[in-house]
Amino acid sequence: MVVSVLPFASLRAAAAEGAPGLVVVAGPNGAGKSTFIELYVHDLGLPYVNADHIARVLREAHPDLSRRDLDQRAFDEAERLRDDLLELRFGFCTETVFSDPVGSKLDFLERARAAGFFVTLVFIGLENPGISLGRVRQRVAQGGHDVPEGRLISRFPRTLKNLRGAVPIVNEAFLFDNTLFDAPYRPIAVYADGRLAQQFPPLPRWTQGLPGL
């Protein structure tokens, strides 16, 4: 079902005409963004900018760094890479929790559009922050990285606010819900140029306030 909803046809067509593609996969902590990229985005062959991946490399090179310093360096390096690729007009994929409180993520999307990128937003939602917290705890138990509970909970509403701000900016947006393990990445809605093109009820509560829903 994901492939039929998200064929990346418009992105590929834009690339054929010389427009670089930007795929932004966004959603709360533990929503399944990295897995989604591995399953459905990797085959596009775009460079992948991910602060968590950078942090793992830095950890091996600088084992004495504190977690805070490590995370900050990884964040700064990811920001630099994204800005460099934008300036070079070189297509790429990036992953984000989309929770910044000052609008920098939305500004980045606007800059990408202004630079001639075809911007595809993939948003993966969860029904509530409790599910996000549970997924992160499960990830930690399997050796993955942690997110402090307070930070995770405070991020959740900001993520949804930025989603509402992003839909009118991007060329296309694909929304999925990953709340249920037995219905992974359930398609919710498709937007084209800020207008609702498709919806797939029942709609989860996190879609409230989005255009047309």
N, C-alpha and C. Protein backbone atom coordinates (compact mmCIF):
# COMPACT_ATOMS: atom_id res chain seq x y z
N MET A 1 0.82 -1.21 0.00
CA MET A 1 0.00 0.00 0.00
C MET A 1 0.86 1.25 0.00
N VAL A 2 1.98 1.23 0.73
CA VAL A 2 2.85 2.41 0.77
C VAL A 2 3.37 2.73 -0.62
N VAL A 3 3.81 1.70 -1.34
CA VAL A 3 4.39 1.91 -2.66
C VAL A 3 3.37 2.51 -3.62
N SER A 4 2.12 2.06 -3.55
CA SER A 4 1.09 2.59 -4.45
C SER A 4 0.77 4.04 -4.14
N VAL A 5 0.85 4.42 -2.88
CA VAL A 5 0.57 5.81 -2.48
C VAL A 5 1.78 6.70 -2.73
N LEU A 6 2.97 6.14 -2.55
CA LEU A 6 4.21 6.92 -2.59
C LEU A 6 5.16 6.37 -3.65
N PRO A 7 4.86 6.57 -4.95
CA PRO A 7 5.75 6.07 -5.99
C PRO A 7 6.90 7.00 -6.33
N PHE A 8 6.89 8.23 -5.76
CA PHE A 8 7.89 9.25 -6.06
C PHE A 8 7.89 9.61 -7.54
N ALA A 9 6.75 9.45 -8.21
CA ALA A 9 6.68 9.73 -9.65
C ALA A 9 6.96 11.20 -9.95
N SER A 10 6.37 12.10 -9.17
CA SER A 10 6.57 13.53 -9.42
C SER A 10 8.01 13.94 -9.15
N LEU A 11 8.60 13.37 -8.11
CA LEU A 11 10.00 13.66 -7.78
C LEU A 11 10.91 13.20 -8.92
N ARG A 12 10.66 12.00 -9.43
CA ARG A 12 11.48 11.46 -10.52
C ARG A 12 11.29 12.30 -11.79
N ALA A 13 10.06 12.71 -12.06
CA ALA A 13 9.80 13.53 -13.24
C ALA A 13 10.51 14.88 -13.14
N ALA A 14 10.48 15.47 -11.95
CA ALA A 14 11.17 16.74 -11.75
C ALA A 14 12.67 16.58 -11.93
N ALA A 15 13.22 15.46 -11.43
CA ALA A 15 14.65 15.20 -11.57
C ALA A 15 15.03 15.04 -13.04
N ALA A 16 14.15 14.42 -13.82
CA ALA A 16 14.42 14.24 -15.25
C ALA A 16 14.49 15.58 -15.98
N GLU A 17 13.84 16.59 -15.42
CA GLU A 17 13.87 17.92 -16.01
C GLU A 17 14.93 18.81 -15.38
N GLY A 18 15.76 18.22 -14.52
CA GLY A 18 16.89 18.96 -13.97
C GLY A 18 16.70 19.54 -12.59
N ALA A 19 15.55 19.29 -11.96
CA ALA A 19 15.32 19.83 -10.61
C ALA A 19 15.86 18.86 -9.57
N PRO A 20 16.72 19.30 -8.66
CA PRO A 20 17.18 18.40 -7.60
C PRO A 20 16.04 18.05 -6.66
N GLY A 21 16.07 16.85 -6.13
CA GLY A 21 15.01 16.41 -5.23
C GLY A 21 15.45 16.44 -3.78
N LEU A 22 14.54 16.86 -2.92
CA LEU A 22 14.76 16.82 -1.48
C LEU A 22 13.62 16.02 -0.86
N VAL A 23 13.96 14.94 -0.17
CA VAL A 23 12.98 14.13 0.54
C VAL A 23 13.21 14.33 2.03
N VAL A 24 12.22 14.86 2.72
CA VAL A 24 12.29 15.08 4.16
C VAL A 24 11.34 14.10 4.83
N VAL A 25 11.90 13.21 5.65
CA VAL A 25 11.09 12.25 6.40
C VAL A 25 11.02 12.74 7.83
N ALA A 26 9.82 13.12 8.26
CA ALA A 26 9.64 13.76 9.56
C ALA A 26 8.65 12.99 10.41
N GLY A 27 8.73 13.21 11.72
CA GLY A 27 7.80 12.58 12.64
C GLY A 27 8.37 12.51 14.04
N PRO A 28 7.54 12.17 15.01
CA PRO A 28 7.99 12.12 16.41
C PRO A 28 9.09 11.08 16.62
N ASN A 29 9.75 11.18 17.75
CA ASN A 29 10.74 10.17 18.13
C ASN A 29 10.07 8.80 18.17
N GLY A 30 10.75 7.81 17.59
CA GLY A 30 10.23 6.45 17.62
C GLY A 30 9.14 6.15 16.62
N ALA A 31 8.90 7.08 15.69
CA ALA A 31 7.81 6.87 14.72
C ALA A 31 8.16 5.86 13.64
N GLY A 32 9.45 5.57 13.46
CA GLY A 32 9.86 4.62 12.43
C GLY A 32 10.40 5.29 11.18
N LYS A 33 11.00 6.46 11.34
CA LYS A 33 11.50 7.22 10.19
C LYS A 33 12.66 6.51 9.50
N SER A 34 13.64 6.05 10.28
CA SER A 34 14.81 5.41 9.68
C SER A 34 14.43 4.13 8.96
N THR A 35 13.55 3.35 9.55
CA THR A 35 13.09 2.12 8.90
C THR A 35 12.36 2.44 7.61
N PHE A 36 11.53 3.47 7.62
CA PHE A 36 10.81 3.88 6.42
C PHE A 36 11.79 4.23 5.30
N ILE A 37 12.83 4.97 5.64
CA ILE A 37 13.82 5.36 4.64
C ILE A 37 14.50 4.13 4.05
N GLU A 38 14.86 3.18 4.90
CA GLU A 38 15.49 1.95 4.42
C GLU A 38 14.58 1.18 3.48
N LEU A 39 13.29 1.15 3.79
CA LEU A 39 12.34 0.36 3.01
C LEU A 39 11.90 1.04 1.72
N TYR A 40 11.70 2.36 1.77
CA TYR A 40 11.00 3.01 0.67
C TYR A 40 11.74 4.17 0.00
N VAL A 41 12.77 4.70 0.62
CA VAL A 41 13.45 5.87 0.07
C VAL A 41 14.84 5.54 -0.44
N HIS A 42 15.46 4.53 0.14
CA HIS A 42 16.85 4.19 -0.18
C HIS A 42 17.07 3.99 -1.68
N ASP A 43 16.10 3.37 -2.36
CA ASP A 43 16.27 3.05 -3.77
C ASP A 43 16.33 4.28 -4.67
N LEU A 44 15.98 5.45 -4.15
CA LEU A 44 16.11 6.67 -4.95
C LEU A 44 17.57 7.03 -5.17
N GLY A 45 18.46 6.48 -4.34
CA GLY A 45 19.89 6.74 -4.50
C GLY A 45 20.34 8.11 -4.05
N LEU A 46 19.54 8.77 -3.22
CA LEU A 46 19.91 10.10 -2.74
C LEU A 46 20.84 10.01 -1.54
N PRO A 47 21.80 10.91 -1.41
CA PRO A 47 22.60 10.97 -0.17
C PRO A 47 21.68 11.17 1.03
N TYR A 48 22.04 10.55 2.14
CA TYR A 48 21.18 10.55 3.33
C TYR A 48 21.89 11.30 4.44
N VAL A 49 21.31 12.41 4.88
CA VAL A 49 21.89 13.21 5.96
C VAL A 49 21.11 12.93 7.24
N ASN A 50 21.80 12.36 8.23
CA ASN A 50 21.14 11.96 9.47
C ASN A 50 22.08 12.22 10.64
N ALA A 51 21.66 13.05 11.58
CA ALA A 51 22.51 13.41 12.72
C ALA A 51 22.85 12.20 13.58
N ASP A 52 21.93 11.24 13.71
CA ASP A 52 22.21 10.05 14.52
C ASP A 52 23.33 9.22 13.91
N HIS A 53 23.34 9.11 12.59
CA HIS A 53 24.42 8.38 11.92
C HIS A 53 25.75 9.09 12.12
N ILE A 54 25.73 10.41 12.00
CA ILE A 54 26.95 11.19 12.21
C ILE A 54 27.45 11.02 13.64
N ALA A 55 26.52 11.00 14.60
CA ALA A 55 26.91 10.83 16.01
C ALA A 55 27.61 9.50 16.24
N ARG A 56 27.14 8.45 15.57
CA ARG A 56 27.79 7.14 15.74
C ARG A 56 29.23 7.17 15.23
N VAL A 57 29.46 7.84 14.11
CA VAL A 57 30.81 7.95 13.57
C VAL A 57 31.69 8.77 14.51
N LEU A 58 31.15 9.87 15.01
CA LEU A 58 31.91 10.72 15.93
C LEU A 58 32.23 9.99 17.23
N ARG A 59 31.30 9.16 17.70
CA ARG A 59 31.51 8.42 18.94
C ARG A 59 32.71 7.48 18.82
N GLU A 60 32.85 6.86 17.65
CA GLU A 60 33.99 5.96 17.43
C GLU A 60 35.30 6.74 17.35
N ALA A 61 35.25 7.93 16.76
CA ALA A 61 36.46 8.73 16.60
C ALA A 61 36.83 9.50 17.86
N HIS A 62 35.82 9.83 18.68
CA HIS A 62 36.05 10.63 19.88
C HIS A 62 35.31 10.00 21.07
N PRO A 63 35.79 8.87 21.56
CA PRO A 63 35.07 8.16 22.63
C PRO A 63 35.00 8.92 23.94
N ASP A 64 35.85 9.94 24.12
CA ASP A 64 35.86 10.68 25.38
C ASP A 64 34.86 11.84 25.41
N LEU A 65 34.24 12.13 24.28
CA LEU A 65 33.27 13.22 24.25
C LEU A 65 32.04 12.88 25.08
N SER A 66 31.51 13.88 25.77
CA SER A 66 30.26 13.68 26.49
C SER A 66 29.12 13.51 25.49
N ARG A 67 28.04 12.89 25.95
CA ARG A 67 26.90 12.69 25.05
C ARG A 67 26.37 14.03 24.55
N ARG A 68 26.34 15.01 25.43
CA ARG A 68 25.82 16.32 25.04
C ARG A 68 26.68 16.95 23.95
N ASP A 69 28.01 16.91 24.13
CA ASP A 69 28.91 17.48 23.12
C ASP A 69 28.83 16.71 21.82
N LEU A 70 28.71 15.39 21.94
CA LEU A 70 28.62 14.54 20.76
C LEU A 70 27.37 14.88 19.95
N ASP A 71 26.25 14.97 20.64
CA ASP A 71 24.99 15.28 19.95
C ASP A 71 25.04 16.65 19.29
N GLN A 72 25.65 17.62 19.98
CA GLN A 72 25.73 18.96 19.41
C GLN A 72 26.60 18.99 18.16
N ARG A 73 27.74 18.29 18.23
CA ARG A 73 28.61 18.23 17.05
C ARG A 73 27.91 17.56 15.88
N ALA A 74 27.20 16.48 16.17
CA ALA A 74 26.49 15.76 15.11
C ALA A 74 25.40 16.64 14.50
N PHE A 75 24.68 17.34 15.36
CA PHE A 75 23.63 18.25 14.88
C PHE A 75 24.23 19.34 13.99
N ASP A 76 25.32 19.95 14.44
CA ASP A 76 25.96 21.02 13.68
C ASP A 76 26.47 20.50 12.33
N GLU A 77 27.05 19.30 12.34
CA GLU A 77 27.57 18.73 11.10
C GLU A 77 26.44 18.42 10.12
N ALA A 78 25.34 17.89 10.62
CA ALA A 78 24.19 17.61 9.76
C ALA A 78 23.64 18.90 9.16
N GLU A 79 23.56 19.95 9.97
CA GLU A 79 23.09 21.24 9.47
C GLU A 79 24.01 21.76 8.38
N ARG A 80 25.32 21.63 8.59
CA ARG A 80 26.28 22.11 7.60
C ARG A 80 26.15 21.33 6.29
N LEU A 81 26.01 20.00 6.40
CA LEU A 81 25.87 19.19 5.19
C LEU A 81 24.61 19.56 4.42
N ARG A 82 23.51 19.75 5.13
CA ARG A 82 22.26 20.12 4.45
C ARG A 82 22.41 21.46 3.74
N ASP A 83 23.02 22.42 4.42
CA ASP A 83 23.20 23.74 3.80
C ASP A 83 24.11 23.66 2.59
N ASP A 84 25.18 22.86 2.69
CA ASP A 84 26.10 22.70 1.56
C ASP A 84 25.40 22.08 0.36
N LEU A 85 24.62 21.03 0.60
CA LEU A 85 23.91 20.36 -0.50
C LEU A 85 22.88 21.30 -1.12
N LEU A 86 22.25 22.11 -0.29
CA LEU A 86 21.29 23.08 -0.79
C LEU A 86 21.99 24.09 -1.71
N GLU A 87 23.13 24.59 -1.25
CA GLU A 87 23.87 25.57 -2.04
C GLU A 87 24.36 24.98 -3.36
N LEU A 88 24.75 23.70 -3.32
CA LEU A 88 25.22 23.02 -4.53
C LEU A 88 24.09 22.56 -5.43
N ARG A 89 22.85 22.65 -4.95
CA ARG A 89 21.66 22.16 -5.66
C ARG A 89 21.81 20.67 -5.97
N PHE A 90 22.21 19.94 -4.95
CA PHE A 90 22.41 18.49 -5.07
C PHE A 90 21.34 17.80 -4.24
N GLY A 91 20.55 16.94 -4.87
CA GLY A 91 19.45 16.28 -4.19
C GLY A 91 19.89 15.41 -3.04
N PHE A 92 19.04 15.31 -2.01
CA PHE A 92 19.37 14.47 -0.86
C PHE A 92 18.11 14.16 -0.07
N CYS A 93 18.26 13.25 0.87
CA CYS A 93 17.20 12.87 1.80
C CYS A 93 17.67 13.18 3.21
N THR A 94 16.77 13.63 4.05
CA THR A 94 17.12 13.89 5.43
C THR A 94 15.96 13.51 6.34
N GLU A 95 16.29 13.28 7.59
CA GLU A 95 15.32 12.84 8.59
C GLU A 95 15.28 13.85 9.73
N THR A 96 14.09 14.12 10.25
CA THR A 96 13.98 15.10 11.32
C THR A 96 12.77 14.82 12.21
N VAL A 97 12.92 15.14 13.49
CA VAL A 97 11.78 15.07 14.41
C VAL A 97 10.84 16.25 14.15
N PHE A 98 11.36 17.30 13.51
CA PHE A 98 10.52 18.42 13.08
C PHE A 98 9.99 19.21 14.27
N SER A 99 10.79 19.32 15.32
CA SER A 99 10.25 19.89 16.57
C SER A 99 10.86 21.23 16.95
N ASP A 100 11.63 21.85 16.04
CA ASP A 100 12.26 23.11 16.45
C ASP A 100 11.19 24.16 16.73
N PRO A 101 11.40 24.98 17.75
CA PRO A 101 10.37 25.95 18.16
C PRO A 101 10.47 27.31 17.48
N VAL A 102 11.48 27.50 16.64
CA VAL A 102 11.73 28.85 16.10
C VAL A 102 11.52 28.94 14.59
N GLY A 103 11.07 27.86 13.95
CA GLY A 103 10.78 27.92 12.53
C GLY A 103 11.93 27.64 11.60
N SER A 104 13.05 27.14 12.12
CA SER A 104 14.21 26.91 11.25
C SER A 104 13.95 25.80 10.23
N LYS A 105 13.19 24.78 10.60
CA LYS A 105 12.89 23.70 9.66
C LYS A 105 12.01 24.20 8.52
N LEU A 106 11.02 25.02 8.84
CA LEU A 106 10.16 25.57 7.80
C LEU A 106 10.95 26.52 6.90
N ASP A 107 11.86 27.28 7.50
CA ASP A 107 12.71 28.17 6.72
C ASP A 107 13.58 27.37 5.76
N PHE A 108 14.07 26.21 6.21
CA PHE A 108 14.89 25.37 5.35
C PHE A 108 14.07 24.88 4.14
N LEU A 109 12.83 24.47 4.38
CA LEU A 109 11.97 24.04 3.27
C LEU A 109 11.74 25.18 2.28
N GLU A 110 11.53 26.37 2.79
CA GLU A 110 11.32 27.52 1.91
C GLU A 110 12.57 27.83 1.10
N ARG A 111 13.73 27.71 1.73
CA ARG A 111 14.98 27.95 1.01
C ARG A 111 15.20 26.90 -0.07
N ALA A 112 14.81 25.66 0.22
CA ALA A 112 14.95 24.60 -0.78
C ALA A 112 14.06 24.88 -1.99
N ARG A 113 12.82 25.28 -1.74
CA ARG A 113 11.93 25.61 -2.85
C ARG A 113 12.49 26.78 -3.66
N ALA A 114 13.00 27.80 -2.96
CA ALA A 114 13.54 28.97 -3.65
C ALA A 114 14.77 28.61 -4.49
N ALA A 115 15.50 27.57 -4.07
CA ALA A 115 16.69 27.14 -4.80
C ALA A 115 16.35 26.21 -5.96
N GLY A 116 15.07 25.92 -6.15
CA GLY A 116 14.66 25.10 -7.28
C GLY A 116 14.52 23.63 -7.00
N PHE A 117 14.57 23.24 -5.73
CA PHE A 117 14.38 21.83 -5.38
C PHE A 117 12.91 21.44 -5.51
N PHE A 118 12.69 20.18 -5.89
CA PHE A 118 11.36 19.58 -5.77
C PHE A 118 11.33 18.92 -4.40
N VAL A 119 10.47 19.42 -3.52
CA VAL A 119 10.50 19.01 -2.12
C VAL A 119 9.34 18.07 -1.81
N THR A 120 9.69 16.87 -1.36
CA THR A 120 8.71 15.88 -0.93
C THR A 120 8.81 15.70 0.58
N LEU A 121 7.71 15.90 1.27
CA LEU A 121 7.66 15.67 2.71
C LEU A 121 6.93 14.36 2.98
N VAL A 122 7.56 13.49 3.74
CA VAL A 122 6.92 12.27 4.24
C VAL A 122 6.80 12.44 5.75
N PHE A 123 5.58 12.44 6.25
CA PHE A 123 5.37 12.58 7.69
C PHE A 123 4.80 11.29 8.23
N ILE A 124 5.43 10.78 9.29
CA ILE A 124 4.99 9.54 9.94
C ILE A 124 4.51 9.90 11.34
N GLY A 125 3.22 9.75 11.58
CA GLY A 125 2.63 10.16 12.84
C GLY A 125 2.38 9.02 13.80
N LEU A 126 2.27 9.37 15.08
CA LEU A 126 1.86 8.45 16.14
C LEU A 126 0.69 9.09 16.89
N GLU A 127 -0.17 8.27 17.44
CA GLU A 127 -1.40 8.77 18.03
C GLU A 127 -1.17 9.66 19.25
N ASN A 128 -0.14 9.38 20.05
CA ASN A 128 0.09 10.19 21.24
C ASN A 128 1.54 10.05 21.70
N PRO A 129 2.02 10.94 22.57
CA PRO A 129 3.41 10.88 23.02
C PRO A 129 3.73 9.64 23.83
N GLY A 130 2.73 9.01 24.45
CA GLY A 130 2.99 7.78 25.19
C GLY A 130 3.50 6.68 24.29
N ILE A 131 2.97 6.60 23.08
CA ILE A 131 3.44 5.59 22.12
C ILE A 131 4.86 5.92 21.69
N SER A 132 5.12 7.19 21.47
CA SER A 132 6.48 7.63 21.12
C SER A 132 7.47 7.22 22.21
N LEU A 133 7.10 7.46 23.46
CA LEU A 133 7.97 7.11 24.58
C LEU A 133 8.20 5.61 24.64
N GLY A 134 7.15 4.83 24.46
CA GLY A 134 7.28 3.38 24.49
C GLY A 134 8.18 2.86 23.39
N ARG A 135 8.09 3.44 22.20
CA ARG A 135 8.93 3.01 21.08
C ARG A 135 10.40 3.32 21.35
N VAL A 136 10.65 4.48 21.94
CA VAL A 136 12.04 4.85 22.24
C VAL A 136 12.61 3.92 23.31
N ARG A 137 11.82 3.59 24.33
CA ARG A 137 12.29 2.66 25.36
C ARG A 137 12.60 1.29 24.77
N GLN A 138 11.77 0.86 23.84
CA GLN A 138 12.03 -0.41 23.16
C GLN A 138 13.32 -0.33 22.36
N ARG A 139 13.55 0.78 21.70
CA ARG A 139 14.77 0.97 20.93
C ARG A 139 16.00 0.94 21.83
N VAL A 140 15.91 1.58 22.98
CA VAL A 140 17.03 1.58 23.93
C VAL A 140 17.33 0.17 24.41
N ALA A 141 16.28 -0.61 24.67
CA ALA A 141 16.46 -2.00 25.12
C ALA A 141 17.16 -2.83 24.06
N GLN A 142 17.05 -2.41 22.81
CA GLN A 142 17.69 -3.13 21.71
C GLN A 142 19.04 -2.52 21.33
N GLY A 143 19.52 -1.59 22.16
CA GLY A 143 20.83 -0.99 21.95
C GLY A 143 20.82 0.32 21.20
N GLY A 144 19.64 0.88 20.93
CA GLY A 144 19.54 2.13 20.21
C GLY A 144 19.70 3.34 21.11
N HIS A 145 19.58 4.53 20.53
CA HIS A 145 19.82 5.76 21.29
C HIS A 145 18.56 6.19 22.03
N ASP A 146 18.78 6.86 23.14
CA ASP A 146 17.70 7.29 24.03
C ASP A 146 17.34 8.75 23.76
N VAL A 147 16.15 9.13 24.20
CA VAL A 147 15.71 10.53 24.21
C VAL A 147 15.08 10.77 25.58
N PRO A 148 15.55 11.77 26.33
CA PRO A 148 14.96 12.02 27.65
C PRO A 148 13.45 12.22 27.56
N GLU A 149 12.74 11.66 28.54
CA GLU A 149 11.27 11.68 28.50
C GLU A 149 10.71 13.09 28.39
N GLY A 150 11.25 14.02 29.18
CA GLY A 150 10.73 15.39 29.14
C GLY A 150 10.91 16.03 27.78
N ARG A 151 12.06 15.80 27.17
CA ARG A 151 12.32 16.37 25.85
C ARG A 151 11.38 15.77 24.82
N LEU A 152 11.18 14.46 24.90
CA LEU A 152 10.30 13.78 23.95
C LEU A 152 8.88 14.32 24.02
N ILE A 153 8.37 14.46 25.24
CA ILE A 153 6.99 14.92 25.41
C ILE A 153 6.82 16.36 24.95
N SER A 154 7.82 17.20 25.22
CA SER A 154 7.72 18.61 24.81
C SER A 154 7.81 18.75 23.30
N ARG A 155 8.50 17.82 22.65
CA ARG A 155 8.65 17.90 21.20
C ARG A 155 7.36 17.56 20.46
N PHE A 156 6.54 16.69 21.03
CA PHE A 156 5.41 16.12 20.31
C PHE A 156 4.48 17.18 19.71
N PRO A 157 3.98 18.14 20.48
CA PRO A 157 3.09 19.14 19.88
C PRO A 157 3.79 20.06 18.89
N ARG A 158 5.08 20.32 19.10
CA ARG A 158 5.82 21.17 18.16
C ARG A 158 5.97 20.48 16.81
N THR A 159 6.15 19.16 16.85
CA THR A 159 6.25 18.40 15.61
C THR A 159 4.98 18.55 14.78
N LEU A 160 3.82 18.45 15.42
CA LEU A 160 2.55 18.57 14.71
C LEU A 160 2.33 20.00 14.22
N LYS A 161 2.75 20.98 15.01
CA LYS A 161 2.63 22.38 14.59
C LYS A 161 3.45 22.63 13.33
N ASN A 162 4.67 22.11 13.30
CA ASN A 162 5.52 22.30 12.13
C ASN A 162 4.98 21.55 10.91
N LEU A 163 4.34 20.41 11.14
CA LEU A 163 3.71 19.71 10.02
C LEU A 163 2.66 20.60 9.37
N ARG A 164 1.82 21.23 10.18
CA ARG A 164 0.78 22.10 9.63
C ARG A 164 1.39 23.27 8.85
N GLY A 165 2.54 23.75 9.33
CA GLY A 165 3.20 24.84 8.61
C GLY A 165 3.91 24.40 7.35
N ALA A 166 4.31 23.13 7.29
CA ALA A 166 5.10 22.64 6.16
C ALA A 166 4.25 22.29 4.95
N VAL A 167 3.04 21.79 5.18
CA VAL A 167 2.21 21.31 4.07
C VAL A 167 2.03 22.36 2.97
N PRO A 168 1.79 23.62 3.30
CA PRO A 168 1.64 24.62 2.22
C PRO A 168 2.95 24.98 1.51
N ILE A 169 4.09 24.60 2.08
CA ILE A 169 5.38 24.99 1.52
C ILE A 169 5.87 23.99 0.49
N VAL A 170 5.75 22.70 0.78
CA VAL A 170 6.38 21.67 -0.04
C VAL A 170 5.60 21.41 -1.32
N ASN A 171 6.27 20.77 -2.29
CA ASN A 171 5.59 20.39 -3.53
C ASN A 171 4.55 19.31 -3.29
N GLU A 172 4.90 18.36 -2.45
CA GLU A 172 3.97 17.28 -2.14
C GLU A 172 4.26 16.76 -0.74
N ALA A 173 3.21 16.26 -0.11
CA ALA A 173 3.34 15.71 1.24
C ALA A 173 2.55 14.41 1.33
N PHE A 174 3.18 13.41 1.92
CA PHE A 174 2.56 12.11 2.12
C PHE A 174 2.52 11.82 3.61
N LEU A 175 1.34 11.58 4.14
CA LEU A 175 1.16 11.37 5.58
C LEU A 175 0.83 9.91 5.85
N PHE A 176 1.53 9.33 6.82
CA PHE A 176 1.31 7.95 7.23
C PHE A 176 1.15 7.89 8.74
N ASP A 177 0.42 6.89 9.21
CA ASP A 177 0.29 6.65 10.65
C ASP A 177 0.96 5.32 10.98
N ASN A 178 1.82 5.34 11.99
CA ASN A 178 2.54 4.12 12.36
C ASN A 178 2.25 3.73 13.81
N THR A 179 1.03 4.01 14.25
CA THR A 179 0.65 3.74 15.63
C THR A 179 0.55 2.24 15.91
N LEU A 180 -0.02 1.49 14.98
CA LEU A 180 -0.31 0.07 15.20
C LEU A 180 0.74 -0.81 14.54
N PHE A 181 1.25 -1.78 15.30
CA PHE A 181 2.24 -2.70 14.75
C PHE A 181 1.66 -3.56 13.63
N ASP A 182 0.35 -3.87 13.72
CA ASP A 182 -0.25 -4.73 12.70
C ASP A 182 -0.76 -3.93 11.50
N ALA A 183 -0.55 -2.62 11.50
CA ALA A 183 -0.89 -1.78 10.34
C ALA A 183 0.19 -0.73 10.16
N PRO A 184 1.43 -1.17 9.86
CA PRO A 184 2.54 -0.21 9.79
C PRO A 184 2.41 0.73 8.59
N TYR A 185 2.78 1.98 8.83
CA TYR A 185 2.81 2.99 7.78
C TYR A 185 1.49 3.04 7.00
N ARG A 186 0.40 3.16 7.75
CA ARG A 186 -0.91 3.23 7.11
C ARG A 186 -1.08 4.59 6.44
N PRO A 187 -1.36 4.62 5.13
CA PRO A 187 -1.54 5.90 4.44
C PRO A 187 -2.71 6.69 5.03
N ILE A 188 -2.50 7.98 5.20
CA ILE A 188 -3.52 8.86 5.77
C ILE A 188 -3.98 9.92 4.76
N ALA A 189 -3.03 10.61 4.14
CA ALA A 189 -3.40 11.69 3.22
C ALA A 189 -2.24 12.01 2.29
N VAL A 190 -2.60 12.59 1.15
CA VAL A 190 -1.63 13.07 0.17
C VAL A 190 -1.97 14.51 -0.18
N TYR A 191 -0.95 15.36 -0.18
CA TYR A 191 -1.13 16.76 -0.55
C TYR A 191 -0.27 17.07 -1.77
N ALA A 192 -0.80 17.89 -2.66
CA ALA A 192 -0.05 18.39 -3.81
C ALA A 192 -0.16 19.91 -3.82
N ASP A 193 0.99 20.57 -3.74
CA ASP A 193 1.02 22.05 -3.69
C ASP A 193 0.09 22.61 -2.62
N GLY A 194 0.09 21.97 -1.46
CA GLY A 194 -0.67 22.46 -0.32
C GLY A 194 -2.14 22.10 -0.32
N ARG A 195 -2.61 21.44 -1.37
CA ARG A 195 -4.03 21.07 -1.45
C ARG A 195 -4.20 19.58 -1.24
N LEU A 196 -5.23 19.22 -0.50
CA LEU A 196 -5.52 17.82 -0.24
C LEU A 196 -5.89 17.12 -1.53
N ALA A 197 -5.14 16.06 -1.87
CA ALA A 197 -5.39 15.30 -3.10
C ALA A 197 -6.07 13.97 -2.82
N GLN A 198 -5.71 13.34 -1.70
CA GLN A 198 -6.29 12.06 -1.31
C GLN A 198 -6.34 11.96 0.21
N GLN A 199 -7.32 11.24 0.71
CA GLN A 199 -7.34 10.91 2.13
C GLN A 199 -7.84 9.48 2.28
N PHE A 200 -7.40 8.86 3.39
CA PHE A 200 -7.69 7.45 3.61
C PHE A 200 -8.22 7.26 5.03
N PRO A 201 -9.52 7.44 5.23
CA PRO A 201 -10.11 7.27 6.57
C PRO A 201 -9.94 5.83 7.06
N PRO A 202 -10.04 5.65 8.40
CA PRO A 202 -10.28 6.66 9.43
C PRO A 202 -9.04 7.51 9.71
N LEU A 203 -9.28 8.77 10.00
CA LEU A 203 -8.18 9.70 10.22
C LEU A 203 -7.81 9.76 11.70
N PRO A 204 -6.52 9.66 12.03
CA PRO A 204 -6.10 9.76 13.43
C PRO A 204 -6.24 11.19 13.95
N ARG A 205 -6.25 11.34 15.26
CA ARG A 205 -6.46 12.66 15.86
C ARG A 205 -5.34 13.64 15.53
N TRP A 206 -4.14 13.13 15.28
CA TRP A 206 -3.04 14.06 15.04
C TRP A 206 -3.19 14.82 13.72
N THR A 207 -4.15 14.44 12.87
CA THR A 207 -4.35 15.16 11.62
C THR A 207 -5.24 16.39 11.78
N GLN A 208 -5.82 16.58 12.96
CA GLN A 208 -6.72 17.72 13.16
C GLN A 208 -5.99 19.04 12.92
N GLY A 209 -6.62 19.92 12.16
CA GLY A 209 -6.03 21.21 11.86
C GLY A 209 -5.28 21.25 10.55
N LEU A 210 -5.11 20.10 9.89
CA LEU A 210 -4.45 20.07 8.59
C LEU A 210 -5.44 20.49 7.50
N PRO A 211 -4.95 21.08 6.41
CA PRO A 211 -5.86 21.54 5.35
C PRO A 211 -6.74 20.42 4.81
N GLY A 212 -8.04 20.65 4.83
CA GLY A 212 -8.98 19.71 4.24
C GLY A 212 -9.35 18.54 5.11
N LEU A 213 -8.74 18.41 6.31
CA LEU A 213 -9.02 17.25 7.16
C LEU A 213 -9.77 17.67 8.43
